[in-house]
Amino acid sequence: MGSGPRERPERLAEKLYQVRARLNLSQTQMRDYLGLPKDYHHSLISLWERGLREPPLTVLLKYARAVPVAVDVMIDDELDLPSPKKHRSARTS
């Protein structure tokens, strides 16, 4: 690992917000949904969504599993999150 600044995904913040929006959760609800400790205040999620900070890799994995997508979709700026799947109604016979 080098000591210089590392390359950061430009669209990660946008995708983190998209995940939360798809789940229709507040930032505090998102923290709870991901099973994060209470010391992960909603303001930290706000920093992630605004691109001012990045979540730890373990949290990024939880975001990816929530949608669900592979982690590379979250961090690859050339990939978009897939469209949300519509729930099919149960067939009646």
PDB file of N, CA and C in Angstrom:
ATOM      1  N   MET A   1       0.831  -1.190   0.000  1.00  0.00           N
ATOM      2  CA  MET A   1       0.000   0.000   0.000  1.00  0.00           C
ATOM      3  C   MET A   1       0.867   1.241   0.000  1.00  0.00           C
ATOM      4  N   GLY A   2       0.499   2.178  -0.836  1.00  0.00           N
ATOM      5  CA  GLY A   2       1.243   3.417  -0.922  1.00  0.00           C
ATOM      6  C   GLY A   2       0.816   4.406   0.138  1.00  0.00           C
ATOM      7  N   SER A   3       1.605   5.437   0.288  1.00  0.00           N
ATOM      8  CA  SER A   3       1.289   6.442   1.303  1.00  0.00           C
ATOM      9  C   SER A   3       0.552   7.639   0.714  1.00  0.00           C
ATOM     10  N   GLY A   4       0.420   7.671  -0.610  1.00  0.00           N
ATOM     11  CA  GLY A   4      -0.267   8.782  -1.252  1.00  0.00           C
ATOM     12  C   GLY A   4      -1.774   8.598  -1.246  1.00  0.00           C
ATOM     13  N   PRO A   5      -2.490   9.601  -1.731  1.00  0.00           N
ATOM     14  CA  PRO A   5      -3.952   9.478  -1.776  1.00  0.00           C
ATOM     15  C   PRO A   5      -4.359   8.366  -2.728  1.00  0.00           C
ATOM     16  N   ARG A   6      -5.434   7.670  -2.378  1.00  0.00           N
ATOM     17  CA  ARG A   6      -5.890   6.583  -3.228  1.00  0.00           C
ATOM     18  C   ARG A   6      -7.027   7.061  -4.125  1.00  0.00           C
ATOM     19  N   GLU A   7      -7.184   6.366  -5.216  1.00  0.00           N
ATOM     20  CA  GLU A   7      -8.260   6.676  -6.148  1.00  0.00           C
ATOM     21  C   GLU A   7      -9.592   6.323  -5.490  1.00  0.00           C
ATOM     22  N   ARG A   8     -10.570   7.198  -5.658  1.00  0.00           N
ATOM     23  CA  ARG A   8     -11.884   6.983  -5.043  1.00  0.00           C
ATOM     24  C   ARG A   8     -12.947   6.884  -6.119  1.00  0.00           C
ATOM     25  N   PRO A   9     -13.907   5.991  -5.922  1.00  0.00           N
ATOM     26  CA  PRO A   9     -15.010   5.923  -6.879  1.00  0.00           C
ATOM     27  C   PRO A   9     -15.818   7.220  -6.845  1.00  0.00           C
ATOM     28  N   GLU A  10     -16.066   7.803  -7.998  1.00  0.00           N
ATOM     29  CA  GLU A  10     -16.785   9.074  -8.052  1.00  0.00           C
ATOM     30  C   GLU A  10     -18.274   8.922  -7.784  1.00  0.00           C
ATOM     31  N   ARG A  11     -18.847   7.755  -8.101  1.00  0.00           N
ATOM     32  CA  ARG A  11     -20.289   7.574  -7.991  1.00  0.00           C
ATOM     33  C   ARG A  11     -20.726   6.788  -6.763  1.00  0.00           C
ATOM     34  N   LEU A  12     -19.791   6.465  -5.882  1.00  0.00           N
ATOM     35  CA  LEU A  12     -20.143   5.670  -4.714  1.00  0.00           C
ATOM     36  C   LEU A  12     -21.198   6.364  -3.864  1.00  0.00           C
ATOM     37  N   ALA A  13     -21.026   7.633  -3.587  1.00  0.00           N
ATOM     38  CA  ALA A  13     -21.979   8.362  -2.749  1.00  0.00           C
ATOM     39  C   ALA A  13     -23.383   8.302  -3.345  1.00  0.00           C
ATOM     40  N   GLU A  14     -23.470   8.518  -4.637  1.00  0.00           N
ATOM     41  CA  GLU A  14     -24.755   8.456  -5.344  1.00  0.00           C
ATOM     42  C   GLU A  14     -25.397   7.073  -5.185  1.00  0.00           C
ATOM     43  N   LYS A  15     -24.607   6.046  -5.307  1.00  0.00           N
ATOM     44  CA  LYS A  15     -25.137   4.681  -5.211  1.00  0.00           C
ATOM     45  C   LYS A  15     -25.563   4.348  -3.782  1.00  0.00           C
ATOM     46  N   LEU A  16     -24.817   4.829  -2.794  1.00  0.00           N
ATOM     47  CA  LEU A  16     -25.212   4.612  -1.404  1.00  0.00           C
ATOM     48  C   LEU A  16     -26.579   5.250  -1.148  1.00  0.00           C
ATOM     49  N   TYR A  17     -26.767   6.454  -1.659  1.00  0.00           N
ATOM     50  CA  TYR A  17     -28.065   7.118  -1.514  1.00  0.00           C
ATOM     51  C   TYR A  17     -29.154   6.333  -2.244  1.00  0.00           C
ATOM     52  N   GLN A  18     -28.856   5.860  -3.454  1.00  0.00           N
ATOM     53  CA  GLN A  18     -29.847   5.110  -4.226  1.00  0.00           C
ATOM     54  C   GLN A  18     -30.302   3.859  -3.481  1.00  0.00           C
ATOM     55  N   VAL A  19     -29.385   3.167  -2.839  1.00  0.00           N
ATOM     56  CA  VAL A  19     -29.748   1.972  -2.074  1.00  0.00           C
ATOM     57  C   VAL A  19     -30.734   2.347  -0.978  1.00  0.00           C
ATOM     58  N   ARG A  20     -30.410   3.385  -0.226  1.00  0.00           N
ATOM     59  CA  ARG A  20     -31.288   3.803   0.874  1.00  0.00           C
ATOM     60  C   ARG A  20     -32.642   4.262   0.351  1.00  0.00           C
ATOM     61  N   ALA A  21     -32.636   5.002  -0.757  1.00  0.00           N
ATOM     62  CA  ALA A  21     -33.890   5.488  -1.331  1.00  0.00           C
ATOM     63  C   ALA A  21     -34.756   4.329  -1.816  1.00  0.00           C
ATOM     64  N   ARG A  22     -34.144   3.322  -2.417  1.00  0.00           N
ATOM     65  CA  ARG A  22     -34.904   2.159  -2.881  1.00  0.00           C
ATOM     66  C   ARG A  22     -35.567   1.426  -1.725  1.00  0.00           C
ATOM     67  N   LEU A  23     -34.896   1.420  -0.605  1.00  0.00           N
ATOM     68  CA  LEU A  23     -35.450   0.760   0.578  1.00  0.00           C
ATOM     69  C   LEU A  23     -36.424   1.666   1.323  1.00  0.00           C
ATOM     70  N   ASN A  24     -36.498   2.930   0.893  1.00  0.00           N
ATOM     71  CA  ASN A  24     -37.400   3.915   1.497  1.00  0.00           C
ATOM     72  C   ASN A  24     -37.143   4.060   2.999  1.00  0.00           C
ATOM     73  N   LEU A  25     -35.870   4.246   3.346  1.00  0.00           N
ATOM     74  CA  LEU A  25     -35.467   4.338   4.738  1.00  0.00           C
ATOM     75  C   LEU A  25     -34.836   5.693   5.040  1.00  0.00           C
ATOM     76  N   SER A  26     -35.021   6.159   6.263  1.00  0.00           N
ATOM     77  CA  SER A  26     -34.275   7.327   6.727  1.00  0.00           C
ATOM     78  C   SER A  26     -32.840   6.886   6.978  1.00  0.00           C
ATOM     79  N   GLN A  27     -31.960   7.839   7.245  1.00  0.00           N
ATOM     80  CA  GLN A  27     -30.572   7.475   7.518  1.00  0.00           C
ATOM     81  C   GLN A  27     -30.459   6.651   8.796  1.00  0.00           C
ATOM     82  N   THR A  28     -31.233   6.983   9.807  1.00  0.00           N
ATOM     83  CA  THR A  28     -31.219   6.205  11.047  1.00  0.00           C
ATOM     84  C   THR A  28     -31.778   4.810  10.811  1.00  0.00           C
ATOM     85  N   GLN A  29     -32.845   4.713  10.029  1.00  0.00           N
ATOM     86  CA  GLN A  29     -33.410   3.403   9.707  1.00  0.00           C
ATOM     87  C   GLN A  29     -32.420   2.565   8.897  1.00  0.00           C
ATOM     88  N   MET A  30     -31.666   3.223   8.020  1.00  0.00           N
ATOM     89  CA  MET A  30     -30.668   2.511   7.221  1.00  0.00           C
ATOM     90  C   MET A  30     -29.595   1.931   8.127  1.00  0.00           C
ATOM     91  N   ARG A  31     -29.160   2.702   9.081  1.00  0.00           N
ATOM     92  CA  ARG A  31     -28.161   2.211  10.050  1.00  0.00           C
ATOM     93  C   ARG A  31     -28.673   0.948  10.730  1.00  0.00           C
ATOM     94  N   ASP A  32     -29.930   0.989  11.172  1.00  0.00           N
ATOM     95  CA  ASP A  32     -30.509  -0.162  11.859  1.00  0.00           C
ATOM     96  C   ASP A  32     -30.698  -1.342  10.906  1.00  0.00           C
ATOM     97  N   TYR A  33     -31.125  -1.056   9.679  1.00  0.00           N
ATOM     98  CA  TYR A  33     -31.334  -2.097   8.670  1.00  0.00           C
ATOM     99  C   TYR A  33     -30.032  -2.843   8.378  1.00  0.00           C
ATOM    100  N   LEU A  34     -28.935  -2.092   8.333  1.00  0.00           N
ATOM    101  CA  LEU A  34     -27.623  -2.692   8.067  1.00  0.00           C
ATOM    102  C   LEU A  34     -27.030  -3.371   9.299  1.00  0.00           C
ATOM    103  N   GLY A  35     -27.661  -3.174  10.455  1.00  0.00           N
ATOM    104  CA  GLY A  35     -27.153  -3.773  11.687  1.00  0.00           C
ATOM    105  C   GLY A  35     -25.918  -3.091  12.218  1.00  0.00           C
ATOM    106  N   LEU A  36     -25.793  -1.792  11.946  1.00  0.00           N
ATOM    107  CA  LEU A  36     -24.626  -1.042  12.411  1.00  0.00           C
ATOM    108  C   LEU A  36     -24.828  -0.617  13.856  1.00  0.00           C
ATOM    109  N   PRO A  37     -23.744  -0.472  14.599  1.00  0.00           N
ATOM    110  CA  PRO A  37     -23.860  -0.039  15.994  1.00  0.00           C
ATOM    111  C   PRO A  37     -24.469   1.359  16.104  1.00  0.00           C
ATOM    112  N   LYS A  38     -25.036   1.640  17.252  1.00  0.00           N
ATOM    113  CA  LYS A  38     -25.687   2.938  17.491  1.00  0.00           C
ATOM    114  C   LYS A  38     -24.701   4.109  17.376  1.00  0.00           C
ATOM    115  N   ASP A  39     -23.399   3.857  17.556  1.00  0.00           N
ATOM    116  CA  ASP A  39     -22.434   4.954  17.440  1.00  0.00           C
ATOM    117  C   ASP A  39     -22.205   5.360  15.979  1.00  0.00           C
ATOM    118  N   TYR A  40     -22.784   4.628  15.038  1.00  0.00           N
ATOM    119  CA  TYR A  40     -22.814   5.061  13.641  1.00  0.00           C
ATOM    120  C   TYR A  40     -24.008   5.998  13.508  1.00  0.00           C
ATOM    121  N   HIS A  41     -23.823   7.235  13.850  1.00  0.00           N
ATOM    122  CA  HIS A  41     -24.886   8.244  13.838  1.00  0.00           C
ATOM    123  C   HIS A  41     -25.332   8.502  12.404  1.00  0.00           C
ATOM    124  N   HIS A  42     -26.583   8.917  12.239  1.00  0.00           N
ATOM    125  CA  HIS A  42     -27.099   9.183  10.891  1.00  0.00           C
ATOM    126  C   HIS A  42     -26.265  10.215  10.152  1.00  0.00           C
ATOM    127  N   SER A  43     -25.583  11.088  10.880  1.00  0.00           N
ATOM    128  CA  SER A  43     -24.757  12.092  10.210  1.00  0.00           C
ATOM    129  C   SER A  43     -23.575  11.444   9.480  1.00  0.00           C
ATOM    130  N   LEU A  44     -23.124  10.294   9.953  1.00  0.00           N
ATOM    131  CA  LEU A  44     -22.050   9.575   9.273  1.00  0.00           C
ATOM    132  C   LEU A  44     -22.559   9.039   7.931  1.00  0.00           C
ATOM    133  N   ILE A  45     -23.778   8.518   7.921  1.00  0.00           N
ATOM    134  CA  ILE A  45     -24.379   8.062   6.670  1.00  0.00           C
ATOM    135  C   ILE A  45     -24.531   9.234   5.716  1.00  0.00           C
ATOM    136  N   SER A  46     -24.879  10.395   6.236  1.00  0.00           N
ATOM    137  CA  SER A  46     -24.976  11.603   5.414  1.00  0.00           C
ATOM    138  C   SER A  46     -23.626  11.936   4.776  1.00  0.00           C
ATOM    139  N   LEU A  47     -22.556  11.809   5.536  1.00  0.00           N
ATOM    140  CA  LEU A  47     -21.220  12.068   4.993  1.00  0.00           C
ATOM    141  C   LEU A  47     -20.888  11.096   3.872  1.00  0.00           C
ATOM    142  N   TRP A  48     -21.274   9.834   4.030  1.00  0.00           N
ATOM    143  CA  TRP A  48     -21.050   8.840   2.971  1.00  0.00           C
ATOM    144  C   TRP A  48     -21.834   9.207   1.724  1.00  0.00           C
ATOM    145  N   GLU A  49     -23.098   9.593   1.910  1.00  0.00           N
ATOM    146  CA  GLU A  49     -23.974   9.895   0.774  1.00  0.00           C
ATOM    147  C   GLU A  49     -23.590  11.192   0.059  1.00  0.00           C
ATOM    148  N   ARG A  50     -22.873  12.045   0.735  1.00  0.00           N
ATOM    149  CA  ARG A  50     -22.413  13.293   0.110  1.00  0.00           C
ATOM    150  C   ARG A  50     -20.983  13.166  -0.427  1.00  0.00           C
ATOM    151  N   GLY A  51     -20.385  11.996  -0.259  1.00  0.00           N
ATOM    152  CA  GLY A  51     -19.051  11.756  -0.777  1.00  0.00           C
ATOM    153  C   GLY A  51     -17.943  12.395   0.031  1.00  0.00           C
ATOM    154  N   LEU A  52     -18.237  12.791   1.253  1.00  0.00           N
ATOM    155  CA  LEU A  52     -17.223  13.417   2.097  1.00  0.00           C
ATOM    156  C   LEU A  52     -16.413  12.387   2.879  1.00  0.00           C
ATOM    157  N   ARG A  53     -16.989  11.212   3.064  1.00  0.00           N
ATOM    158  CA  ARG A  53     -16.295  10.083   3.689  1.00  0.00           C
ATOM    159  C   ARG A  53     -16.743   8.823   2.974  1.00  0.00           C
ATOM    160  N   GLU A  54     -16.030   7.739   3.190  1.00  0.00           N
ATOM    161  CA  GLU A  54     -16.394   6.452   2.609  1.00  0.00           C
ATOM    162  C   GLU A  54     -16.633   5.449   3.725  1.00  0.00           C
ATOM    163  N   PRO A  55     -17.625   4.581   3.533  1.00  0.00           N
ATOM    164  CA  PRO A  55     -17.878   3.565   4.564  1.00  0.00           C
ATOM    165  C   PRO A  55     -16.776   2.510   4.571  1.00  0.00           C
ATOM    166  N   PRO A  56     -16.603   1.837   5.702  1.00  0.00           N
ATOM    167  CA  PRO A  56     -15.666   0.709   5.739  1.00  0.00           C
ATOM    168  C   PRO A  56     -16.122  -0.366   4.755  1.00  0.00           C
ATOM    169  N   LEU A  57     -15.196  -1.201   4.324  1.00  0.00           N
ATOM    170  CA  LEU A  57     -15.517  -2.255   3.364  1.00  0.00           C
ATOM    171  C   LEU A  57     -16.628  -3.170   3.861  1.00  0.00           C
ATOM    172  N   THR A  58     -16.644  -3.476   5.148  1.00  0.00           N
ATOM    173  CA  THR A  58     -17.684  -4.354   5.680  1.00  0.00           C
ATOM    174  C   THR A  58     -19.063  -3.717   5.569  1.00  0.00           C
ATOM    175  N   VAL A  59     -19.136  -2.411   5.716  1.00  0.00           N
ATOM    176  CA  VAL A  59     -20.412  -1.694   5.573  1.00  0.00           C
ATOM    177  C   VAL A  59     -20.800  -1.639   4.098  1.00  0.00           C
ATOM    178  N   LEU A  60     -19.842  -1.425   3.236  1.00  0.00           N
ATOM    179  CA  LEU A  60     -20.105  -1.410   1.800  1.00  0.00           C
ATOM    180  C   LEU A  60     -20.687  -2.753   1.351  1.00  0.00           C
ATOM    181  N   LEU A  61     -20.169  -3.830   1.900  1.00  0.00           N
ATOM    182  CA  LEU A  61     -20.689  -5.155   1.599  1.00  0.00           C
ATOM    183  C   LEU A  61     -22.149  -5.275   2.042  1.00  0.00           C
ATOM    184  N   LYS A  62     -22.477  -4.740   3.197  1.00  0.00           N
ATOM    185  CA  LYS A  62     -23.863  -4.775   3.687  1.00  0.00           C
ATOM    186  C   LYS A  62     -24.791  -3.977   2.769  1.00  0.00           C
ATOM    187  N   TYR A  63     -24.331  -2.828   2.287  1.00  0.00           N
ATOM    188  CA  TYR A  63     -25.122  -2.046   1.327  1.00  0.00           C
ATOM    189  C   TYR A  63     -25.377  -2.874   0.068  1.00  0.00           C
ATOM    190  N   ALA A  64     -24.338  -3.497  -0.453  1.00  0.00           N
ATOM    191  CA  ALA A  64     -24.466  -4.281  -1.687  1.00  0.00           C
ATOM    192  C   ALA A  64     -25.448  -5.434  -1.487  1.00  0.00           C
ATOM    193  N   ARG A  65     -25.370  -6.096  -0.371  1.00  0.00           N
ATOM    194  CA  ARG A  65     -26.272  -7.220  -0.108  1.00  0.00           C
ATOM    195  C   ARG A  65     -27.714  -6.757   0.095  1.00  0.00           C
ATOM    196  N   ALA A  66     -27.908  -5.529   0.508  1.00  0.00           N
ATOM    197  CA  ALA A  66     -29.265  -5.010   0.737  1.00  0.00           C
ATOM    198  C   ALA A  66     -30.052  -4.863  -0.553  1.00  0.00           C
ATOM    199  N   VAL A  67     -29.370  -4.702  -1.695  1.00  0.00           N
ATOM    200  CA  VAL A  67     -30.087  -4.381  -2.929  1.00  0.00           C
ATOM    201  C   VAL A  67     -30.605  -5.600  -3.697  1.00  0.00           C
ATOM    202  N   PRO A  68     -30.050  -6.708  -3.904  1.00  0.00           N
ATOM    203  CA  PRO A  68     -28.667  -7.172  -3.795  1.00  0.00           C
ATOM    204  C   PRO A  68     -27.900  -7.026  -5.112  1.00  0.00           C
ATOM    205  N   VAL A  69     -26.646  -6.630  -4.968  1.00  0.00           N
ATOM    206  CA  VAL A  69     -25.710  -6.542  -6.093  1.00  0.00           C
ATOM    207  C   VAL A  69     -24.332  -6.953  -5.594  1.00  0.00           C
ATOM    208  N   ALA A  70     -23.434  -7.214  -6.521  1.00  0.00           N
ATOM    209  CA  ALA A  70     -22.045  -7.473  -6.157  1.00  0.00           C
ATOM    210  C   ALA A  70     -21.395  -6.153  -5.745  1.00  0.00           C
ATOM    211  N   VAL A  71     -20.419  -6.236  -4.882  1.00  0.00           N
ATOM    212  CA  VAL A  71     -19.733  -5.031  -4.403  1.00  0.00           C
ATOM    213  C   VAL A  71     -19.115  -4.250  -5.561  1.00  0.00           C
ATOM    214  N   ASP A  72     -18.658  -4.947  -6.595  1.00  0.00           N
ATOM    215  CA  ASP A  72     -18.032  -4.222  -7.702  1.00  0.00           C
ATOM    216  C   ASP A  72     -19.015  -3.275  -8.377  1.00  0.00           C
ATOM    217  N   VAL A  73     -20.304  -3.578  -8.350  1.00  0.00           N
ATOM    218  CA  VAL A  73     -21.297  -2.660  -8.924  1.00  0.00           C
ATOM    219  C   VAL A  73     -21.324  -1.360  -8.122  1.00  0.00           C
ATOM    220  N   MET A  74     -21.143  -1.472  -6.824  1.00  0.00           N
ATOM    221  CA  MET A  74     -21.150  -0.282  -5.969  1.00  0.00           C
ATOM    222  C   MET A  74     -19.937   0.611  -6.246  1.00  0.00           C
ATOM    223  N   ILE A  75     -18.775   0.003  -6.480  1.00  0.00           N
ATOM    224  CA  ILE A  75     -17.557   0.812  -6.563  1.00  0.00           C
ATOM    225  C   ILE A  75     -17.108   1.125  -7.979  1.00  0.00           C
ATOM    226  N   ASP A  76     -17.653   0.430  -8.980  1.00  0.00           N
ATOM    227  CA  ASP A  76     -17.256   0.671 -10.364  1.00  0.00           C
ATOM    228  C   ASP A  76     -18.101   1.807 -10.939  1.00  0.00           C
ATOM    229  N   ASP A  77     -17.471   2.915 -11.233  1.00  0.00           N
ATOM    230  CA  ASP A  77     -18.185   4.082 -11.762  1.00  0.00           C
ATOM    231  C   ASP A  77     -18.836   3.819 -13.112  1.00  0.00           C
ATOM    232  N   GLU A  78     -18.383   2.809 -13.824  1.00  0.00           N
ATOM    233  CA  GLU A  78     -18.952   2.505 -15.136  1.00  0.00           C
ATOM    234  C   GLU A  78     -20.196   1.622 -15.048  1.00  0.00           C
ATOM    235  N   LEU A  79     -20.477   1.086 -13.865  1.00  0.00           N
ATOM    236  CA  LEU A  79     -21.639   0.227 -13.682  1.00  0.00           C
ATOM    237  C   LEU A  79     -22.741   0.972 -12.939  1.00  0.00           C
ATOM    238  N   ASP A  80     -23.969   0.757 -13.368  1.00  0.00           N
ATOM    239  CA  ASP A  80     -25.136   1.327 -12.694  1.00  0.00           C
ATOM    240  C   ASP A  80     -25.780   0.262 -11.829  1.00  0.00           C
ATOM    241  N   LEU A  81     -26.449   0.701 -10.786  1.00  0.00           N
ATOM    242  CA  LEU A  81     -27.260  -0.236 -10.034  1.00  0.00           C
ATOM    243  C   LEU A  81     -28.374  -0.713 -10.944  1.00  0.00           C
ATOM    244  N   PRO A  82     -28.695  -1.995 -10.909  1.00  0.00           N
ATOM    245  CA  PRO A  82     -29.793  -2.459 -11.762  1.00  0.00           C
ATOM    246  C   PRO A  82     -31.113  -1.837 -11.319  1.00  0.00           C
ATOM    247  N   SER A  83     -32.041  -1.757 -12.240  1.00  0.00           N
ATOM    248  CA  SER A  83     -33.365  -1.236 -11.900  1.00  0.00           C
ATOM    249  C   SER A  83     -33.993  -2.128 -10.843  1.00  0.00           C
ATOM    250  N   PRO A  84     -34.749  -1.513  -9.938  1.00  0.00           N
ATOM    251  CA  PRO A  84     -35.406  -2.348  -8.915  1.00  0.00           C
ATOM    252  C   PRO A  84     -36.374  -3.326  -9.574  1.00  0.00           C
ATOM    253  N   LYS A  85     -36.387  -4.543  -9.072  1.00  0.00           N
ATOM    254  CA  LYS A  85     -37.299  -5.548  -9.606  1.00  0.00           C
ATOM    255  C   LYS A  85     -38.687  -5.313  -9.040  1.00  0.00           C
ATOM    256  N   LYS A  86     -39.665  -5.415  -9.907  1.00  0.00           N
ATOM    257  CA  LYS A  86     -41.043  -5.284  -9.455  1.00  0.00           C
ATOM    258  C   LYS A  86     -41.482  -6.627  -8.888  1.00  0.00           C
ATOM    259  N   HIS A  87     -42.211  -6.546  -7.785  1.00  0.00           N
ATOM    260  CA  HIS A  87     -42.711  -7.770  -7.172  1.00  0.00           C
ATOM    261  C   HIS A  87     -43.869  -8.305  -7.994  1.00  0.00           C
ATOM    262  N   ARG A  88     -43.794  -9.575  -8.279  1.00  0.00           N
ATOM    263  CA  ARG A  88     -44.873 -10.227  -9.016  1.00  0.00           C
ATOM    264  C   ARG A  88     -45.946 -10.633  -8.044  1.00  0.00           C
ATOM    265  N   SER A  89     -47.183 -10.438  -8.426  1.00  0.00           N
ATOM    266  CA  SER A  89     -48.258 -10.883  -7.561  1.00  0.00           C
ATOM    267  C   SER A  89     -48.395 -12.390  -7.673  1.00  0.00           C
ATOM    268  N   ALA A  90     -48.818 -13.007  -6.604  1.00  0.00           N
ATOM    269  CA  ALA A  90     -48.966 -14.459  -6.586  1.00  0.00           C
ATOM    270  C   ALA A  90     -50.077 -14.879  -7.536  1.00  0.00           C
ATOM    271  N   ARG A  91     -49.838 -15.949  -8.244  1.00  0.00           N
ATOM    272  CA  ARG A  91     -50.852 -16.456  -9.170  1.00  0.00           C
ATOM    273  C   ARG A  91     -51.943 -17.163  -8.387  1.00  0.00           C
ATOM    274  N   THR A  92     -53.139 -17.004  -8.835  1.00  0.00           N
ATOM    275  CA  THR A  92     -54.238 -17.735  -8.232  1.00  0.00           C
ATOM    276  C   THR A  92     -54.733 -18.759  -9.222  1.00  0.00           C
ATOM    277  N   SER A  93     -54.982 -19.946  -8.754  1.00  0.00           N
ATOM    278  CA  SER A  93     -55.420 -21.017  -9.648  1.00  0.00           C
ATOM    279  C   SER A  93     -56.913 -21.172  -9.600  1.00  0.00           C
TER     280      SER A  93
END
